[in-house]
Protein backbone atom coordinates (compact mmCIF):
# COMPACT_ATOMS: atom_id res chain seq x y z
CA LEU A 1 72.36 30.85 -57.86
CA SER A 2 69.07 32.62 -57.02
CA LEU A 3 65.53 31.10 -55.98
CA ASP A 4 62.51 33.22 -55.39
CA ALA A 5 59.09 32.24 -54.36
CA GLU A 6 55.97 34.54 -54.24
CA ALA A 7 52.57 33.48 -52.83
CA TYR A 8 49.51 35.82 -53.14
CA SER A 9 45.86 35.94 -52.23
CA GLY A 10 43.32 38.66 -52.74
CA ALA A 11 40.31 40.01 -54.28
CA THR A 12 39.94 42.32 -57.14
CA THR A 13 36.94 44.51 -57.52
CA ASP A 14 35.92 45.36 -61.24
CA MET A 15 38.50 43.53 -62.81
CA ILE A 16 38.14 44.37 -66.49
CA VAL A 17 37.84 41.00 -68.78
CA TRP A 18 37.26 41.20 -72.33
CA LEU A 19 34.50 38.89 -73.45
CA PRO A 20 32.67 38.45 -76.69
CA ASP A 21 28.88 39.01 -76.53
CA PHE A 22 26.05 37.21 -78.41
CA ARG A 23 27.32 38.69 -81.78
CA PHE A 24 30.89 37.66 -80.95
CA VAL A 25 31.95 41.49 -80.40
CA TRP A 26 34.42 41.87 -77.85
CA SER A 27 33.57 44.39 -75.16
CA PRO A 28 35.06 45.19 -71.50
CA ARG A 29 33.16 43.60 -68.50
CA ASN A 30 33.82 44.52 -65.01
CA LEU A 31 33.90 41.42 -62.64
CA ASP A 32 34.85 40.83 -59.12
CA VAL A 33 37.37 38.01 -58.93
CA ASN A 34 39.52 36.45 -56.33
CA ARG A 35 43.05 35.77 -57.07
CA ARG A 36 45.38 33.03 -55.39
CA GLY A 37 48.71 32.03 -56.55
CA LEU A 38 52.26 31.00 -56.27
CA ASP A 39 55.13 31.99 -58.59
CA LEU A 40 58.56 29.99 -58.35
CA ASP A 41 61.70 31.14 -60.28
CA GLY A 42 65.09 29.73 -60.22
CA ARG A 43 68.22 31.08 -61.91
CA VAL A 44 71.98 29.90 -62.16
CA ARG A 45 74.79 32.14 -63.66
CA PHE A 46 78.29 31.33 -64.28
CA PRO A 47 79.60 34.77 -64.95
CA ALA A 48 83.21 33.57 -66.02
CA SER A 49 81.79 31.31 -68.97
CA GLY A 50 78.70 33.68 -69.79
CA PHE A 51 76.20 30.81 -69.22
CA GLU A 52 73.08 31.28 -67.47
CA ALA A 53 70.08 29.12 -67.17
CA TRP A 54 66.52 29.65 -65.42
CA ALA A 55 63.13 27.98 -64.83
CA SER A 56 59.81 29.28 -63.57
CA TRP A 57 56.47 27.90 -62.65
CA SER A 58 53.32 29.81 -61.81
CA TYR A 59 49.96 28.68 -60.38
CA ASN A 60 47.27 31.38 -60.83
CA ARG A 61 43.74 30.69 -59.49
CA THR A 62 41.47 33.42 -60.66
CA THR A 63 38.06 32.81 -60.05
CA TYR A 64 34.60 34.62 -60.11
CA ASP A 65 33.47 36.14 -57.06
CA ARG A 66 29.98 34.96 -56.92
CA PRO A 67 27.97 32.20 -55.47
CA GLN A 68 28.46 28.69 -56.59
CA SER A 69 31.47 29.49 -58.83
CA GLU A 70 34.46 29.12 -56.38
CA ASP A 71 36.36 26.92 -58.99
CA VAL A 72 35.53 28.57 -62.30
CA GLN A 73 38.61 29.97 -63.67
CA VAL A 74 38.19 33.51 -65.41
CA VAL A 75 37.99 33.36 -69.23
CA TYR A 76 41.23 32.94 -70.94
CA ARG A 77 43.44 32.99 -67.75
CA PRO A 78 45.70 29.98 -67.57
CA ARG A 79 45.67 28.21 -64.00
CA TYR A 80 49.42 26.86 -64.86
CA GLN A 81 52.30 28.68 -66.75
CA SER A 82 55.83 27.79 -66.81
CA GLY A 83 58.97 28.23 -68.86
CA PHE A 84 62.79 27.46 -68.81
CA GLY A 85 65.64 28.55 -70.93
CA ALA A 86 69.43 28.89 -71.17
CA SER A 87 71.70 31.64 -72.73
CA LEU A 88 75.37 31.79 -73.56
CA SER A 89 76.82 35.50 -73.63
CA ARG A 90 79.97 36.68 -74.82
CA PRO A 91 81.40 40.33 -75.66
CA ALA A 92 80.77 39.74 -79.38
CA GLY A 93 77.46 38.04 -79.28
CA SER A 94 75.05 35.80 -77.52
CA ILE A 95 72.53 32.84 -77.97
CA LEU A 96 69.59 32.31 -76.18
CA VAL A 97 67.09 29.42 -76.33
CA SER A 98 63.89 29.30 -74.07
CA SER A 99 60.57 27.39 -73.79
CA ARG A 100 57.33 28.55 -72.26
CA TYR A 101 54.18 26.60 -71.45
CA THR A 102 50.75 28.24 -71.51
CA GLY A 103 48.30 25.95 -69.55
CA GLN A 104 44.76 24.98 -70.14
CA ARG A 105 42.12 27.87 -70.19
CA PHE A 106 38.33 28.22 -71.03
CA PRO A 107 36.86 30.49 -73.73
CA VAL A 108 33.63 30.98 -71.53
CA PRO A 109 32.91 31.74 -67.93
CA ASN A 110 32.53 27.99 -67.04
CA ASN A 111 34.53 24.88 -66.88
CA VAL A 112 33.61 23.69 -70.44
CA ASN A 113 35.24 23.90 -74.05
CA GLU A 114 38.76 23.50 -72.46
CA LEU A 115 41.38 24.68 -74.69
CA THR A 116 44.47 22.52 -74.03
CA GLY A 117 47.79 23.81 -72.92
CA PHE A 118 50.83 24.13 -75.29
CA TRP A 119 54.54 24.93 -75.37
CA ALA A 120 56.49 27.31 -77.66
CA VAL A 121 60.32 27.39 -78.13
CA ASP A 122 62.14 30.43 -79.08
CA ILE A 123 65.82 30.95 -80.03
CA SER A 124 67.85 33.96 -80.69
CA ALA A 125 71.21 35.09 -81.49
CA ARG A 126 73.10 38.34 -81.56
CA ARG A 127 76.51 39.40 -83.00
CA ALA A 128 78.16 42.74 -82.47
CA TRP A 129 81.05 44.41 -84.61
CA THR A 130 83.07 47.68 -84.77
CA LEU A 131 83.89 48.72 -87.89
CA GLY A 132 86.06 52.02 -87.74
CA THR A 133 83.66 54.45 -86.02
CA ALA A 134 80.68 52.44 -86.60
CA ALA A 135 79.10 49.84 -84.20
CA LEU A 136 77.01 47.14 -85.76
CA ASP A 137 74.41 44.81 -84.15
CA LEU A 138 72.63 41.86 -85.88
CA GLN A 139 70.11 39.97 -84.01
CA MET A 140 67.97 37.12 -85.38
CA GLU A 141 64.99 35.59 -83.59
CA ILE A 142 62.84 32.73 -84.30
CA GLN A 143 59.69 32.60 -82.40
CA ARG A 144 57.88 29.30 -82.14
CA LEU A 145 60.76 27.44 -83.53
CA LEU A 146 58.82 24.23 -84.07
CA ASP A 147 55.99 26.02 -85.79
CA GLN A 148 53.46 25.88 -82.86
CA ARG A 149 50.26 27.78 -83.83
CA ASP A 150 48.16 27.31 -80.61
CA ALA A 151 47.24 30.79 -79.08
CA LEU A 152 46.03 32.18 -75.99
CA ILE A 153 42.65 33.08 -77.22
CA PHE A 154 40.54 30.79 -79.32
CA ALA A 155 39.94 31.81 -83.11
CA TYR A 156 43.01 34.22 -83.00
CA PRO A 157 45.51 31.71 -84.01
CA HIS A 158 49.24 32.38 -83.74
CA PRO A 159 50.90 32.45 -87.46
CA GLY A 160 53.36 29.78 -86.06
CA ARG A 161 57.10 30.11 -86.90
CA THR A 162 58.25 33.64 -87.27
CA LEU A 163 61.70 35.07 -88.13
CA ARG A 164 62.78 38.58 -87.04
CA VAL A 165 66.09 40.11 -88.16
CA THR A 166 67.25 43.36 -86.53
CA LEU A 167 70.36 45.44 -87.55
CA ARG A 168 71.44 48.41 -85.45
CA VAL A 169 73.80 50.77 -86.80
CA GLY A 170 75.56 53.46 -84.43
CA ARG A 171 78.74 55.19 -83.29
CA ALA A 172 81.26 52.78 -81.69
CA SER A 173 82.03 53.78 -78.08
CA PRO A 174 85.29 55.35 -77.71
CA SER A 175 88.04 53.14 -76.20
């Protein structure tokens, strides 16, 4: 069992933030920002069974360092994020299910036009085989299992559910 907590506070001078201009051309801008936050992480492992579960939660207040903007979150920086998941691992394979939350964020340096937060669920499975002197490892991942299409940045949508299949072939380890 592990529990971790981290709190931080500080200023960042000339933080580079990408923002669109009046032509909607993205370019870097140097901004002075204040950062304050808290990260909480918990994990439980049962090595004999190969089961593991975890959860995390983050509060990140990143605001502009300028007069009368003490509560304006920096563009596209979610104030809250969280996640949880579980995995079951065996020598020949594993399965993992995880979910993550991206909190509300603003596409402009002001508290208007809020983009709502969203959850995404991923699942992956891996299986390994030894065939003579060859080692095969097949992994399948489904990202955004529930076809969730929201994205961190407005007008750059995520394609939704995606499938990735990876096959690795190598030499088996000598026993």
